[in-house]
């Protein structure tokens, strides 16, 4: 199992990147949400000089606020300075787009975006452009860009349709839940999509994006919810359709949380109210407080101490997950460093 850290692009979160690498994290991912943080591509350019070997990735950009030519150029430029240490994440952009009154990108838009970026970032003969390609760098021999060191493309997906699309085009798929029944169902869709595209399903990697509580009050709802509850509403909304497929296998309280989050999202979608995003994932918006329960938290976060963390990671690995990426704790800036030094090294 590989482990990564997901860090908001704010100075207070970026101070410990060297310590995270030293503690055992092999990747650092940065979100692309223009309303609530700095630019992830510029962040990678600055942070990359402080890291020796860790991969840096964007998780995730979307087709409606980014053009594939611009994204590919930024990645190829960064690849010149940090060859072989970059990854690109792409997704529907649900939260960033809803925050500005737009709907998430469709699965087909994400597919086209991934294919365009790959065409630009791969050299001719390896899936890259020919002289007749619609999208290509005009002077590929230029030393300004590096398209020789491959940049993996990950796709974040939650619903069945997007999961099958991701299986067809992604190097790795990012799941937003650690609930075993949901992960198992998601991987089934990913593998089906890979087969339909003529790919070997085993070639598609699986990553999960999870929160973690590493304090002393393991399993205590009020404490845990304050630290990591902000990550739950987005998980419930983005995985609602997947959960509907396996709802008879889920705890009734978790099913109720999915239904409640869906209803709250629909009720608020017509208002274009940005208040839900003022402290995005750092706290629970008032409209979603009722759906943040211990059952829904455990579908997104590791909150029961080291032994349970290790057992859960082993179970995820058995299902086919190869990478666990952990969110920073907004109330404990040293949590991920402790997790690396005390937990990851013991796994």
C-alpha atoms as a PDB file:
ATOM      1  CA  UNK A   1       0.000   0.000   0.000  1.00  0.00           C
ATOM      2  CA  UNK A   2       1.180   3.489  -0.871  1.00  0.00           C
ATOM      3  CA  UNK A   3       0.182   6.502   1.217  1.00  0.00           C
ATOM      4  CA  UNK A   4      -0.272  10.111   0.209  1.00  0.00           C
ATOM      5  CA  UNK A   5      -1.199  13.398   1.891  1.00  0.00           C
ATOM      6  CA  UNK A   6      -3.892  15.731   0.600  1.00  0.00           C
ATOM      7  CA  UNK A   7      -3.071  19.328   1.527  1.00  0.00           C
ATOM      8  CA  UNK A   8      -5.118  22.481   0.946  1.00  0.00           C
ATOM      9  CA  UNK A   9      -3.056  25.085  -0.882  1.00  0.00           C
ATOM     10  CA  UNK A  10      -2.638  27.362   2.117  1.00  0.00           C
ATOM     11  CA  UNK A  11       0.658  28.228   3.820  1.00  0.00           C
ATOM     12  CA  UNK A  12      -0.301  26.698   7.169  1.00  0.00           C
ATOM     13  CA  UNK A  13      -0.862  23.303   5.520  1.00  0.00           C
ATOM     14  CA  UNK A  14       2.277  23.403   3.383  1.00  0.00           C
ATOM     15  CA  UNK A  15       4.793  24.031   6.141  1.00  0.00           C
ATOM     16  CA  UNK A  16       5.288  20.319   6.888  1.00  0.00           C
ATOM     17  CA  UNK A  17       5.719  18.879   3.387  1.00  0.00           C
ATOM     18  CA  UNK A  18       9.340  17.867   3.991  1.00  0.00           C
ATOM     19  CA  UNK A  19       8.380  16.159   7.247  1.00  0.00           C
ATOM     20  CA  UNK A  20       5.536  14.323   5.524  1.00  0.00           C
ATOM     21  CA  UNK A  21       7.917  12.965   2.911  1.00  0.00           C
ATOM     22  CA  UNK A  22      10.392  11.926   5.595  1.00  0.00           C
ATOM     23  CA  UNK A  23       7.571  10.305   7.595  1.00  0.00           C
ATOM     24  CA  UNK A  24       6.654   7.936   4.786  1.00  0.00           C
ATOM     25  CA  UNK A  25       4.169   9.690   2.509  1.00  0.00           C
ATOM     26  CA  UNK A  26       5.090   8.971  -1.112  1.00  0.00           C
ATOM     27  CA  UNK A  27       2.779  11.586  -2.643  1.00  0.00           C
ATOM     28  CA  UNK A  28       1.342  15.010  -1.906  1.00  0.00           C
ATOM     29  CA  UNK A  29      -1.874  16.068  -3.633  1.00  0.00           C
ATOM     30  CA  UNK A  30      -3.345  19.559  -3.915  1.00  0.00           C
ATOM     31  CA  UNK A  31      -6.976  20.521  -4.667  1.00  0.00           C
ATOM     32  CA  UNK A  32      -8.057  22.741  -7.552  1.00  0.00           C
ATOM     33  CA  UNK A  33     -10.826  24.888  -6.058  1.00  0.00           C
ATOM     34  CA  UNK A  34     -10.197  28.487  -7.063  1.00  0.00           C
ATOM     35  CA  UNK A  35     -12.597  30.033  -4.550  1.00  0.00           C
ATOM     36  CA  UNK A  36     -11.016  28.531  -1.443  1.00  0.00           C
ATOM     37  CA  UNK A  37      -7.292  28.223  -2.050  1.00  0.00           C
ATOM     38  CA  UNK A  38      -4.237  29.068  -4.096  1.00  0.00           C
ATOM     39  CA  UNK A  39      -3.505  27.617  -7.519  1.00  0.00           C
ATOM     40  CA  UNK A  40      -2.311  23.982  -7.264  1.00  0.00           C
ATOM     41  CA  UNK A  41       0.002  24.176 -10.250  1.00  0.00           C
ATOM     42  CA  UNK A  42       1.853  27.175  -8.844  1.00  0.00           C
ATOM     43  CA  UNK A  43       1.908  25.427  -5.475  1.00  0.00           C
ATOM     44  CA  UNK A  44       3.620  22.391  -7.004  1.00  0.00           C
ATOM     45  CA  UNK A  45       6.206  24.651  -8.635  1.00  0.00           C
ATOM     46  CA  UNK A  46       7.078  26.126  -5.236  1.00  0.00           C
ATOM     47  CA  UNK A  47       6.770  23.015  -3.074  1.00  0.00           C
ATOM     48  CA  UNK A  48       8.576  20.727  -5.509  1.00  0.00           C
ATOM     49  CA  UNK A  49      11.933  22.276  -4.697  1.00  0.00           C
ATOM     50  CA  UNK A  50      11.492  21.257  -1.068  1.00  0.00           C
ATOM     51  CA  UNK A  51      10.788  17.599  -1.849  1.00  0.00           C
ATOM     52  CA  UNK A  52      13.307  14.998  -2.931  1.00  0.00           C
ATOM     53  CA  UNK A  53      11.250  12.152  -4.339  1.00  0.00           C
ATOM     54  CA  UNK A  54       7.553  12.444  -3.449  1.00  0.00           C
ATOM     55  CA  UNK A  55       5.047  12.599  -6.269  1.00  0.00           C
ATOM     56  CA  UNK A  56       3.004  15.792  -6.577  1.00  0.00           C
ATOM     57  CA  UNK A  57      -0.494  15.770  -7.988  1.00  0.00           C
ATOM     58  CA  UNK A  58      -3.534  17.904  -8.659  1.00  0.00           C
ATOM     59  CA  UNK A  59      -6.723  16.386  -7.239  1.00  0.00           C
ATOM     60  CA  UNK A  60      -8.688  17.376  -9.152  1.00  0.00           C
ATOM     61  CA  UNK A  61      -9.132  19.887 -11.957  1.00  0.00           C
ATOM     62  CA  UNK A  62     -12.298  19.943 -14.041  1.00  0.00           C
ATOM     63  CA  UNK A  63     -13.157  20.504 -17.729  1.00  0.00           C
ATOM     64  CA  UNK A  64     -15.233  23.628 -17.173  1.00  0.00           C
ATOM     65  CA  UNK A  65     -12.783  25.923 -15.411  1.00  0.00           C
ATOM     66  CA  UNK A  66      -9.655  24.520 -17.094  1.00  0.00           C
ATOM     67  CA  UNK A  67      -8.849  23.993 -20.784  1.00  0.00           C
ATOM     68  CA  UNK A  68      -6.897  20.812 -21.585  1.00  0.00           C
ATOM     69  CA  UNK A  69      -4.273  22.691 -23.608  1.00  0.00           C
ATOM     70  CA  UNK A  70      -3.534  25.010 -20.683  1.00  0.00           C
ATOM     71  CA  UNK A  71      -3.471  22.164 -18.164  1.00  0.00           C
ATOM     72  CA  UNK A  72      -1.218  20.033 -20.353  1.00  0.00           C
ATOM     73  CA  UNK A  73       1.167  22.942 -20.856  1.00  0.00           C
ATOM     74  CA  UNK A  74       1.406  23.554 -17.108  1.00  0.00           C
ATOM     75  CA  UNK A  75       2.024  19.871 -16.418  1.00  0.00           C
ATOM     76  CA  UNK A  76       4.619  19.547 -19.185  1.00  0.00           C
ATOM     77  CA  UNK A  77       6.352  22.678 -17.895  1.00  0.00           C
ATOM     78  CA  UNK A  78       6.467  21.327 -14.346  1.00  0.00           C
ATOM     79  CA  UNK A  79       7.636  17.981 -15.730  1.00  0.00           C
ATOM     80  CA  UNK A  80      10.733  19.727 -17.017  1.00  0.00           C
ATOM     81  CA  UNK A  81      11.759  20.635 -13.469  1.00  0.00           C
ATOM     82  CA  UNK A  82      10.367  17.570 -11.647  1.00  0.00           C
ATOM     83  CA  UNK A  83      10.583  14.768 -14.212  1.00  0.00           C
ATOM     84  CA  UNK A  84       8.626  11.649 -13.401  1.00  0.00           C
ATOM     85  CA  UNK A  85       7.255  13.085 -10.149  1.00  0.00           C
ATOM     86  CA  UNK A  86       3.932  14.480 -11.305  1.00  0.00           C
ATOM     87  CA  UNK A  87       0.379  13.213 -11.667  1.00  0.00           C
ATOM     88  CA  UNK A  88      -2.744  14.892 -12.996  1.00  0.00           C
ATOM     89  CA  UNK A  89      -6.152  14.385 -11.412  1.00  0.00           C
ATOM     90  CA  UNK A  90      -9.371  15.129 -13.284  1.00  0.00           C
ATOM     91  CA  UNK A  91     -12.981  15.037 -12.129  1.00  0.00           C
ATOM     92  CA  UNK A  92     -16.451  16.456 -12.581  1.00  0.00           C
ATOM     93  CA  UNK A  93     -15.648  19.411 -10.307  1.00  0.00           C
ATOM     94  CA  UNK A  94     -18.912  19.108  -8.391  1.00  0.00           C
ATOM     95  CA  UNK A  95     -18.150  21.419  -5.464  1.00  0.00           C
ATOM     96  CA  UNK A  96     -16.041  24.048  -7.286  1.00  0.00           C
ATOM     97  CA  UNK A  97     -18.663  24.335 -10.022  1.00  0.00           C
ATOM     98  CA  UNK A  98     -21.722  24.328  -7.760  1.00  0.00           C
ATOM     99  CA  UNK A  99     -20.054  27.065  -5.716  1.00  0.00           C
ATOM    100  CA  UNK A 100     -20.216  29.362  -8.762  1.00  0.00           C
ATOM    101  CA  UNK A 101     -23.711  28.285  -9.797  1.00  0.00           C
ATOM    102  CA  UNK A 102     -22.718  25.731 -12.458  1.00  0.00           C
ATOM    103  CA  UNK A 103     -23.537  22.044 -12.737  1.00  0.00           C
ATOM    104  CA  UNK A 104     -20.764  19.408 -12.553  1.00  0.00           C
ATOM    105  CA  UNK A 105     -19.142  18.284 -15.773  1.00  0.00           C
ATOM    106  CA  UNK A 106     -20.600  15.175 -17.398  1.00  0.00           C
ATOM    107  CA  UNK A 107     -18.780  11.866 -17.589  1.00  0.00           C
ATOM    108  CA  UNK A 108     -18.330  12.415 -21.327  1.00  0.00           C
ATOM    109  CA  UNK A 109     -16.769  15.844 -20.755  1.00  0.00           C
ATOM    110  CA  UNK A 110     -14.324  14.317 -18.279  1.00  0.00           C
ATOM    111  CA  UNK A 111     -13.510  11.530 -20.760  1.00  0.00           C
ATOM    112  CA  UNK A 112     -12.773  14.014 -23.550  1.00  0.00           C
ATOM    113  CA  UNK A 113     -10.667  16.147 -21.226  1.00  0.00           C
ATOM    114  CA  UNK A 114      -8.568  13.163 -20.120  1.00  0.00           C
ATOM    115  CA  UNK A 115      -8.085  11.997 -23.696  1.00  0.00           C
ATOM    116  CA  UNK A 116      -7.045  15.485 -24.821  1.00  0.00           C
ATOM    117  CA  UNK A 117      -4.550  15.864 -21.976  1.00  0.00           C
ATOM    118  CA  UNK A 118      -3.100  12.419 -22.624  1.00  0.00           C
ATOM    119  CA  UNK A 119      -2.751  13.145 -26.318  1.00  0.00           C
ATOM    120  CA  UNK A 120      -0.802  16.290 -25.501  1.00  0.00           C
ATOM    121  CA  UNK A 121       1.375  14.818 -22.753  1.00  0.00           C
ATOM    122  CA  UNK A 122       2.400  11.602 -24.507  1.00  0.00           C
ATOM    123  CA  UNK A 123       5.016  11.537 -27.274  1.00  0.00           C
ATOM    124  CA  UNK A 124       4.122  10.284 -30.783  1.00  0.00           C
ATOM    125  CA  UNK A 125       3.944   6.513 -30.959  1.00  0.00           C
ATOM    126  CA  UNK A 126       2.838   6.179 -27.329  1.00  0.00           C
ATOM    127  CA  UNK A 127      -0.651   7.567 -27.725  1.00  0.00           C
ATOM    128  CA  UNK A 128       0.549  11.103 -28.331  1.00  0.00           C
ATOM    129  CA  UNK A 129      -0.172  13.489 -31.204  1.00  0.00           C
ATOM    130  CA  UNK A 130       0.701  13.215 -34.866  1.00  0.00           C
ATOM    131  CA  UNK A 131       1.247  16.179 -37.160  1.00  0.00           C
ATOM    132  CA  UNK A 132      -2.476  16.058 -38.006  1.00  0.00           C
ATOM    133  CA  UNK A 133      -3.719  15.963 -34.426  1.00  0.00           C
ATOM    134  CA  UNK A 134      -6.215  18.619 -33.406  1.00  0.00           C
ATOM    135  CA  UNK A 135      -4.418  19.258 -30.110  1.00  0.00           C
ATOM    136  CA  UNK A 136      -0.637  19.111 -30.073  1.00  0.00           C
ATOM    137  CA  UNK A 137       2.346  21.173 -29.011  1.00  0.00           C
ATOM    138  CA  UNK A 138       3.740  22.752 -32.148  1.00  0.00           C
ATOM    139  CA  UNK A 139       7.409  22.401 -31.235  1.00  0.00           C
ATOM    140  CA  UNK A 140       7.676  19.180 -29.289  1.00  0.00           C
ATOM    141  CA  UNK A 141      11.456  19.285 -29.473  1.00  0.00           C
ATOM    142  CA  UNK A 142      11.415  22.455 -27.384  1.00  0.00           C
ATOM    143  CA  UNK A 143      13.358  22.134 -24.158  1.00  0.00           C
ATOM    144  CA  UNK A 144      10.683  24.215 -22.429  1.00  0.00           C
ATOM    145  CA  UNK A 145       8.380  21.186 -22.097  1.00  0.00           C
ATOM    146  CA  UNK A 146       8.908  17.595 -21.010  1.00  0.00           C
ATOM    147  CA  UNK A 147       6.559  15.029 -22.545  1.00  0.00           C
ATOM    148  CA  UNK A 148       9.045  12.170 -22.368  1.00  0.00           C
ATOM    149  CA  UNK A 149       8.637  11.388 -18.668  1.00  0.00           C
ATOM    150  CA  UNK A 150       5.116  10.036 -18.436  1.00  0.00           C
ATOM    151  CA  UNK A 151       2.532  11.835 -16.303  1.00  0.00           C
ATOM    152  CA  UNK A 152      -0.179   9.480 -14.971  1.00  0.00           C
ATOM    153  CA  UNK A 153      -3.747  10.731 -15.193  1.00  0.00           C
ATOM    154  CA  UNK A 154      -6.144   9.924 -12.377  1.00  0.00           C
ATOM    155  CA  UNK A 155      -9.910  10.336 -12.534  1.00  0.00           C
ATOM    156  CA  UNK A 156     -12.075  10.972  -9.469  1.00  0.00           C
ATOM    157  CA  UNK A 157     -15.391   9.171  -9.770  1.00  0.00           C
ATOM    158  CA  UNK A 158     -18.365   8.331  -7.575  1.00  0.00           C
ATOM    159  CA  UNK A 159     -21.413   7.333  -9.616  1.00  0.00           C
ATOM    160  CA  UNK A 160     -21.661   4.128 -11.691  1.00  0.00           C
ATOM    161  CA  UNK A 161     -21.476   5.924 -15.046  1.00  0.00           C
ATOM    162  CA  UNK A 162     -18.428   7.977 -14.106  1.00  0.00           C
ATOM    163  CA  UNK A 163     -16.737   4.919 -12.588  1.00  0.00           C
ATOM    164  CA  UNK A 164     -17.099   2.948 -15.804  1.00  0.00           C
ATOM    165  CA  UNK A 165     -15.804   5.909 -17.796  1.00  0.00           C
ATOM    166  CA  UNK A 166     -12.829   6.194 -15.440  1.00  0.00           C
ATOM    167  CA  UNK A 167     -12.064   2.509 -15.886  1.00  0.00           C
ATOM    168  CA  UNK A 168     -11.944   3.090 -19.625  1.00  0.00           C
ATOM    169  CA  UNK A 169      -9.521   6.029 -19.656  1.00  0.00           C
ATOM    170  CA  UNK A 170      -7.692   6.513 -16.336  1.00  0.00           C
ATOM    171  CA  UNK A 171      -4.336   5.263 -15.153  1.00  0.00           C
ATOM    172  CA  UNK A 172      -5.792   5.287 -11.647  1.00  0.00           C
ATOM    173  CA  UNK A 173      -9.260   5.996 -10.259  1.00  0.00           C
ATOM    174  CA  UNK A 174      -9.804   8.042  -7.097  1.00  0.00           C
ATOM    175  CA  UNK A 175     -12.636   6.911  -4.828  1.00  0.00           C
ATOM    176  CA  UNK A 176     -14.017   9.183  -2.131  1.00  0.00           C
ATOM    177  CA  UNK A 177     -15.061   6.535   0.384  1.00  0.00           C
ATOM    178  CA  UNK A 178     -13.496   3.754   2.436  1.00  0.00           C
ATOM    179  CA  UNK A 179     -16.780   1.934   3.152  1.00  0.00           C
ATOM    180  CA  UNK A 180     -16.026  -1.657   2.013  1.00  0.00           C
ATOM    181  CA  UNK A 181     -19.332  -2.381   0.241  1.00  0.00           C
ATOM    182  CA  UNK A 182     -19.102   0.904  -1.665  1.00  0.00           C
ATOM    183  CA  UNK A 183     -15.446   0.358  -2.576  1.00  0.00           C
ATOM    184  CA  UNK A 184     -16.201  -3.156  -3.788  1.00  0.00           C
ATOM    185  CA  UNK A 185     -19.120  -1.956  -5.927  1.00  0.00           C
ATOM    186  CA  UNK A 186     -17.050   0.927  -7.322  1.00  0.00           C
ATOM    187  CA  UNK A 187     -14.175  -1.336  -8.325  1.00  0.00           C
ATOM    188  CA  UNK A 188     -16.622  -3.662 -10.063  1.00  0.00           C
ATOM    189  CA  UNK A 189     -17.826  -0.757 -12.239  1.00  0.00           C
ATOM    190  CA  UNK A 190     -14.248   0.361 -12.914  1.00  0.00           C
ATOM    191  CA  UNK A 191     -13.228  -3.094 -14.076  1.00  0.00           C
ATOM    192  CA  UNK A 192     -16.327  -3.410 -16.249  1.00  0.00           C
ATOM    193  CA  UNK A 193     -15.490  -0.087 -17.880  1.00  0.00           C
ATOM    194  CA  UNK A 194     -11.912  -1.199 -18.496  1.00  0.00           C
ATOM    195  CA  UNK A 195     -13.067  -4.444 -20.137  1.00  0.00           C
ATOM    196  CA  UNK A 196     -15.575  -2.601 -22.325  1.00  0.00           C
ATOM    197  CA  UNK A 197     -12.719  -0.378 -23.526  1.00  0.00           C
ATOM    198  CA  UNK A 198     -10.529  -3.393 -24.309  1.00  0.00           C
ATOM    199  CA  UNK A 199      -8.182  -2.741 -21.405  1.00  0.00           C
ATOM    200  CA  UNK A 200      -6.776  -5.110 -18.823  1.00  0.00           C
ATOM    201  CA  UNK A 201      -8.719  -4.232 -15.631  1.00  0.00           C
ATOM    202  CA  UNK A 202      -5.637  -4.977 -13.537  1.00  0.00           C
ATOM    203  CA  UNK A 203      -3.807  -2.108 -15.258  1.00  0.00           C
ATOM    204  CA  UNK A 204      -6.167   0.452 -13.701  1.00  0.00           C
ATOM    205  CA  UNK A 205      -4.990   1.495 -10.254  1.00  0.00           C
ATOM    206  CA  UNK A 206      -7.349   2.317  -7.391  1.00  0.00           C
ATOM    207  CA  UNK A 207      -6.790   5.080  -4.838  1.00  0.00           C
ATOM    208  CA  UNK A 208      -9.040   6.164  -1.973  1.00  0.00           C
ATOM    209  CA  UNK A 209      -9.216   9.655  -0.522  1.00  0.00           C
ATOM    210  CA  UNK A 210      -9.941   9.502   3.206  1.00  0.00           C
ATOM    211  CA  UNK A 211      -9.892  11.633   6.326  1.00  0.00           C
ATOM    212  CA  UNK A 212      -8.146  10.532   9.513  1.00  0.00           C
ATOM    213  CA  UNK A 213      -8.414  11.397  13.197  1.00  0.00           C
ATOM    214  CA  UNK A 214      -5.193  10.755  15.119  1.00  0.00           C
ATOM    215  CA  UNK A 215      -5.939  12.307  18.504  1.00  0.00           C
ATOM    216  CA  UNK A 216      -6.762  10.504  21.742  1.00  0.00           C
ATOM    217  CA  UNK A 217     -10.585  10.435  21.653  1.00  0.00           C
ATOM    218  CA  UNK A 218     -10.973   7.549  19.208  1.00  0.00           C
ATOM    219  CA  UNK A 219     -14.609   6.749  18.492  1.00  0.00           C
ATOM    220  CA  UNK A 220     -15.976   9.707  20.475  1.00  0.00           C
ATOM    221  CA  UNK A 221     -18.489  11.254  18.105  1.00  0.00           C
ATOM    222  CA  UNK A 222     -18.459  14.893  19.229  1.00  0.00           C
ATOM    223  CA  UNK A 223     -14.669  15.141  19.081  1.00  0.00           C
ATOM    224  CA  UNK A 224     -14.235  13.169  15.882  1.00  0.00           C
ATOM    225  CA  UNK A 225     -17.012  15.070  14.087  1.00  0.00           C
ATOM    226  CA  UNK A 226     -15.399  18.381  14.973  1.00  0.00           C
ATOM    227  CA  UNK A 227     -12.077  17.265  13.472  1.00  0.00           C
ATOM    228  CA  UNK A 228     -13.124  15.372  10.318  1.00  0.00           C
ATOM    229  CA  UNK A 229     -16.886  15.757   9.939  1.00  0.00           C
ATOM    230  CA  UNK A 230     -16.439  18.404   7.267  1.00  0.00           C
ATOM    231  CA  UNK A 231     -15.261  15.757   4.821  1.00  0.00           C
ATOM    232  CA  UNK A 232     -18.476  13.734   5.076  1.00  0.00           C
ATOM    233  CA  UNK A 233     -21.149  15.735   3.152  1.00  0.00           C
ATOM    234  CA  UNK A 234     -19.190  15.747  -0.105  1.00  0.00           C
ATOM    235  CA  UNK A 235     -18.679  11.972   0.179  1.00  0.00           C
ATOM    236  CA  UNK A 236     -22.390  11.386   0.732  1.00  0.00           C
ATOM    237  CA  UNK A 237     -23.402  13.525  -2.240  1.00  0.00           C
ATOM    238  CA  UNK A 238     -20.839  12.194  -4.724  1.00  0.00           C
ATOM    239  CA  UNK A 239     -21.450   8.529  -3.851  1.00  0.00           C
ATOM    240  CA  UNK A 240     -25.250   8.666  -3.612  1.00  0.00           C
ATOM    241  CA  UNK A 241     -25.990   6.756  -6.825  1.00  0.00           C
ATOM    242  CA  UNK A 242     -23.425   4.092  -6.004  1.00  0.00           C
ATOM    243  CA  UNK A 243     -24.904   3.695  -2.532  1.00  0.00           C
ATOM    244  CA  UNK A 244     -28.369   3.261  -4.066  1.00  0.00           C
ATOM    245  CA  UNK A 245     -27.130   0.103  -5.791  1.00  0.00           C
ATOM    246  CA  UNK A 246     -26.033  -1.544  -2.552  1.00  0.00           C
ATOM    247  CA  UNK A 247     -28.300   0.136  -0.009  1.00  0.00           C
ATOM    248  CA  UNK A 248     -29.639  -3.214   1.239  1.00  0.00           C
ATOM    249  CA  UNK A 249     -26.078  -4.086   2.316  1.00  0.00           C
ATOM    250  CA  UNK A 250     -25.483  -0.818   4.151  1.00  0.00           C
ATOM    251  CA  UNK A 251     -26.388   0.092   7.713  1.00  0.00           C
ATOM    252  CA  UNK A 252     -29.798   1.824   7.857  1.00  0.00           C
ATOM    253  CA  UNK A 253     -28.199   4.851   9.521  1.00  0.00           C
ATOM    254  CA  UNK A 254     -25.753   5.205   6.633  1.00  0.00           C
ATOM    255  CA  UNK A 255     -28.557   4.887   4.070  1.00  0.00           C
ATOM    256  CA  UNK A 256     -30.442   7.622   5.910  1.00  0.00           C
ATOM    257  CA  UNK A 257     -27.348   9.842   5.805  1.00  0.00           C
ATOM    258  CA  UNK A 258     -27.034   9.384   2.022  1.00  0.00           C
ATOM    259  CA  UNK A 259     -30.714  10.223   1.527  1.00  0.00           C
ATOM    260  CA  UNK A 260     -30.510  13.234   3.828  1.00  0.00           C
ATOM    261  CA  UNK A 261     -27.430  14.671   2.128  1.00  0.00           C
ATOM    262  CA  UNK A 262     -28.993  14.230  -1.290  1.00  0.00           C
ATOM    263  CA  UNK A 263     -32.150  16.033  -0.184  1.00  0.00           C
ATOM    264  CA  UNK A 264     -30.131  18.882   1.364  1.00  0.00           C
ATOM    265  CA  UNK A 265     -28.040  19.290  -1.763  1.00  0.00           C
ATOM    266  CA  UNK A 266     -31.105  19.446  -4.020  1.00  0.00           C
ATOM    267  CA  UNK A 267     -32.776  21.954  -1.720  1.00  0.00           C
ATOM    268  CA  UNK A 268     -29.744  24.228  -1.787  1.00  0.00           C
ATOM    269  CA  UNK A 269     -28.697  23.807  -5.426  1.00  0.00           C
ATOM    270  CA  UNK A 270     -31.122  26.452  -6.658  1.00  0.00           C
ATOM    271  CA  UNK A 271     -29.846  29.133  -4.305  1.00  0.00           C
ATOM    272  CA  UNK A 272     -26.236  29.382  -5.570  1.00  0.00           C
ATOM    273  CA  UNK A 273     -25.336  30.042  -1.937  1.00  0.00           C
ATOM    274  CA  UNK A 274     -21.574  29.932  -1.411  1.00  0.00           C
ATOM    275  CA  UNK A 275     -21.828  29.776   2.387  1.00  0.00           C
ATOM    276  CA  UNK A 276     -21.397  25.977   2.279  1.00  0.00           C
ATOM    277  CA  UNK A 277     -17.897  26.531   0.919  1.00  0.00           C
ATOM    278  CA  UNK A 278     -16.602  29.274   3.205  1.00  0.00           C
ATOM    279  CA  UNK A 279     -14.594  26.706   5.176  1.00  0.00           C
ATOM    280  CA  UNK A 280     -14.749  23.922   2.619  1.00  0.00           C
ATOM    281  CA  UNK A 281     -14.272  20.528   4.314  1.00  0.00           C
ATOM    282  CA  UNK A 282     -12.863  22.220   7.428  1.00  0.00           C
ATOM    283  CA  UNK A 283     -16.245  22.317   9.148  1.00  0.00           C
ATOM    284  CA  UNK A 284     -19.754  20.946   8.634  1.00  0.00           C
ATOM    285  CA  UNK A 285     -22.167  23.349   6.892  1.00  0.00           C
ATOM    286  CA  UNK A 286     -25.328  23.864   8.939  1.00  0.00           C
ATOM    287  CA  UNK A 287     -27.542  22.298   6.267  1.00  0.00           C
ATOM    288  CA  UNK A 288     -25.650  18.996   6.534  1.00  0.00           C
ATOM    289  CA  UNK A 289     -25.176  18.614  10.291  1.00  0.00           C
ATOM    290  CA  UNK A 290     -27.864  15.968  10.628  1.00  0.00           C
ATOM    291  CA  UNK A 291     -26.196  13.641   8.106  1.00  0.00           C
ATOM    292  CA  UNK A 292     -22.817  13.651   9.856  1.00  0.00           C
ATOM    293  CA  UNK A 293     -23.159  10.605  12.094  1.00  0.00           C
ATOM    294  CA  UNK A 294     -20.623   8.081  13.319  1.00  0.00           C
ATOM    295  CA  UNK A 295     -21.774   5.703  10.572  1.00  0.00           C
ATOM    296  CA  UNK A 296     -21.272   8.281   7.818  1.00  0.00           C
ATOM    297  CA  UNK A 297     -17.952   9.426   9.306  1.00  0.00           C
ATOM    298  CA  UNK A 298     -16.613   5.864   9.240  1.00  0.00           C
ATOM    299  CA  UNK A 299     -17.518   5.648   5.548  1.00  0.00           C
ATOM    300  CA  UNK A 300     -15.059   8.479   4.934  1.00  0.00           C
ATOM    301  CA  UNK A 301     -12.546   8.542   7.776  1.00  0.00           C
ATOM    302  CA  UNK A 302     -10.256   6.389   9.889  1.00  0.00           C
ATOM    303  CA  UNK A 303     -11.282   7.333  13.435  1.00  0.00           C
ATOM    304  CA  UNK A 304     -10.690   4.288  15.642  1.00  0.00           C
ATOM    305  CA  UNK A 305      -6.952   4.228  16.250  1.00  0.00           C
ATOM    306  CA  UNK A 306      -3.965   2.467  14.754  1.00  0.00           C
ATOM    307  CA  UNK A 307      -5.062  -1.172  14.961  1.00  0.00           C
ATOM    308  CA  UNK A 308      -8.340  -0.457  13.187  1.00  0.00           C
ATOM    309  CA  UNK A 309      -6.521   1.737  10.663  1.00  0.00           C
ATOM    310  CA  UNK A 310      -4.157  -1.096   9.807  1.00  0.00           C
ATOM    311  CA  UNK A 311      -6.996  -3.617   9.558  1.00  0.00           C
ATOM    312  CA  UNK A 312      -9.057  -1.286   7.364  1.00  0.00           C
ATOM    313  CA  UNK A 313      -6.101  -0.656   5.044  1.00  0.00           C
ATOM    314  CA  UNK A 314      -5.502  -4.389   4.752  1.00  0.00           C
ATOM    315  CA  UNK A 315      -9.156  -4.887   3.833  1.00  0.00           C
ATOM    316  CA  UNK A 316      -8.970  -2.108   1.250  1.00  0.00           C
ATOM    317  CA  UNK A 317      -5.843  -3.686  -0.207  1.00  0.00           C
ATOM    318  CA  UNK A 318      -7.614  -7.038  -0.489  1.00  0.00           C
ATOM    319  CA  UNK A 319     -10.401  -5.325  -2.441  1.00  0.00           C
ATOM    320  CA  UNK A 320      -7.884  -3.900  -4.921  1.00  0.00           C
ATOM    321  CA  UNK A 321      -6.944  -0.500  -3.497  1.00  0.00           C
ATOM    322  CA  UNK A 322      -3.282   0.351  -4.000  1.00  0.00           C
ATOM    323  CA  UNK A 323      -3.095   3.842  -2.533  1.00  0.00           C
ATOM    324  CA  UNK A 324      -4.612   5.631   0.471  1.00  0.00           C
ATOM    325  CA  UNK A 325      -4.446   9.432   0.444  1.00  0.00           C
ATOM    326  CA  UNK A 326      -5.206  11.186   3.723  1.00  0.00           C
ATOM    327  CA  UNK A 327      -6.714  14.629   4.237  1.00  0.00           C
ATOM    328  CA  UNK A 328      -5.093  17.018   6.653  1.00  0.00           C
ATOM    329  CA  UNK A 329      -6.926  17.517   9.957  1.00  0.00           C
ATOM    330  CA  UNK A 330      -8.013  21.194   9.952  1.00  0.00           C
ATOM    331  CA  UNK A 331      -7.746  21.320  13.769  1.00  0.00           C
ATOM    332  CA  UNK A 332      -4.464  19.445  14.144  1.00  0.00           C
ATOM    333  CA  UNK A 333      -1.685  20.558  11.839  1.00  0.00           C
ATOM    334  CA  UNK A 334       0.685  17.847  13.085  1.00  0.00           C
ATOM    335  CA  UNK A 335      -1.719  14.935  12.714  1.00  0.00           C
ATOM    336  CA  UNK A 336      -0.422  13.639   9.370  1.00  0.00           C
ATOM    337  CA  UNK A 337       3.195  13.849  10.490  1.00  0.00           C
ATOM    338  CA  UNK A 338       2.335  11.743  13.551  1.00  0.00           C
ATOM    339  CA  UNK A 339       0.396   9.280  11.423  1.00  0.00           C
ATOM    340  CA  UNK A 340       3.388   8.878   9.141  1.00  0.00           C
ATOM    341  CA  UNK A 341       5.937   8.437  11.883  1.00  0.00           C
ATOM    342  CA  UNK A 342       3.871   6.316  14.257  1.00  0.00           C
ATOM    343  CA  UNK A 343       1.385   4.476  12.046  1.00  0.00           C
ATOM    344  CA  UNK A 344       2.665   4.183   8.473  1.00  0.00           C
ATOM    345  CA  UNK A 345       6.076   2.945   9.534  1.00  0.00           C
ATOM    346  CA  UNK A 346       4.425   0.239  11.622  1.00  0.00           C
ATOM    347  CA  UNK A 347       2.091  -0.952   8.842  1.00  0.00           C
END
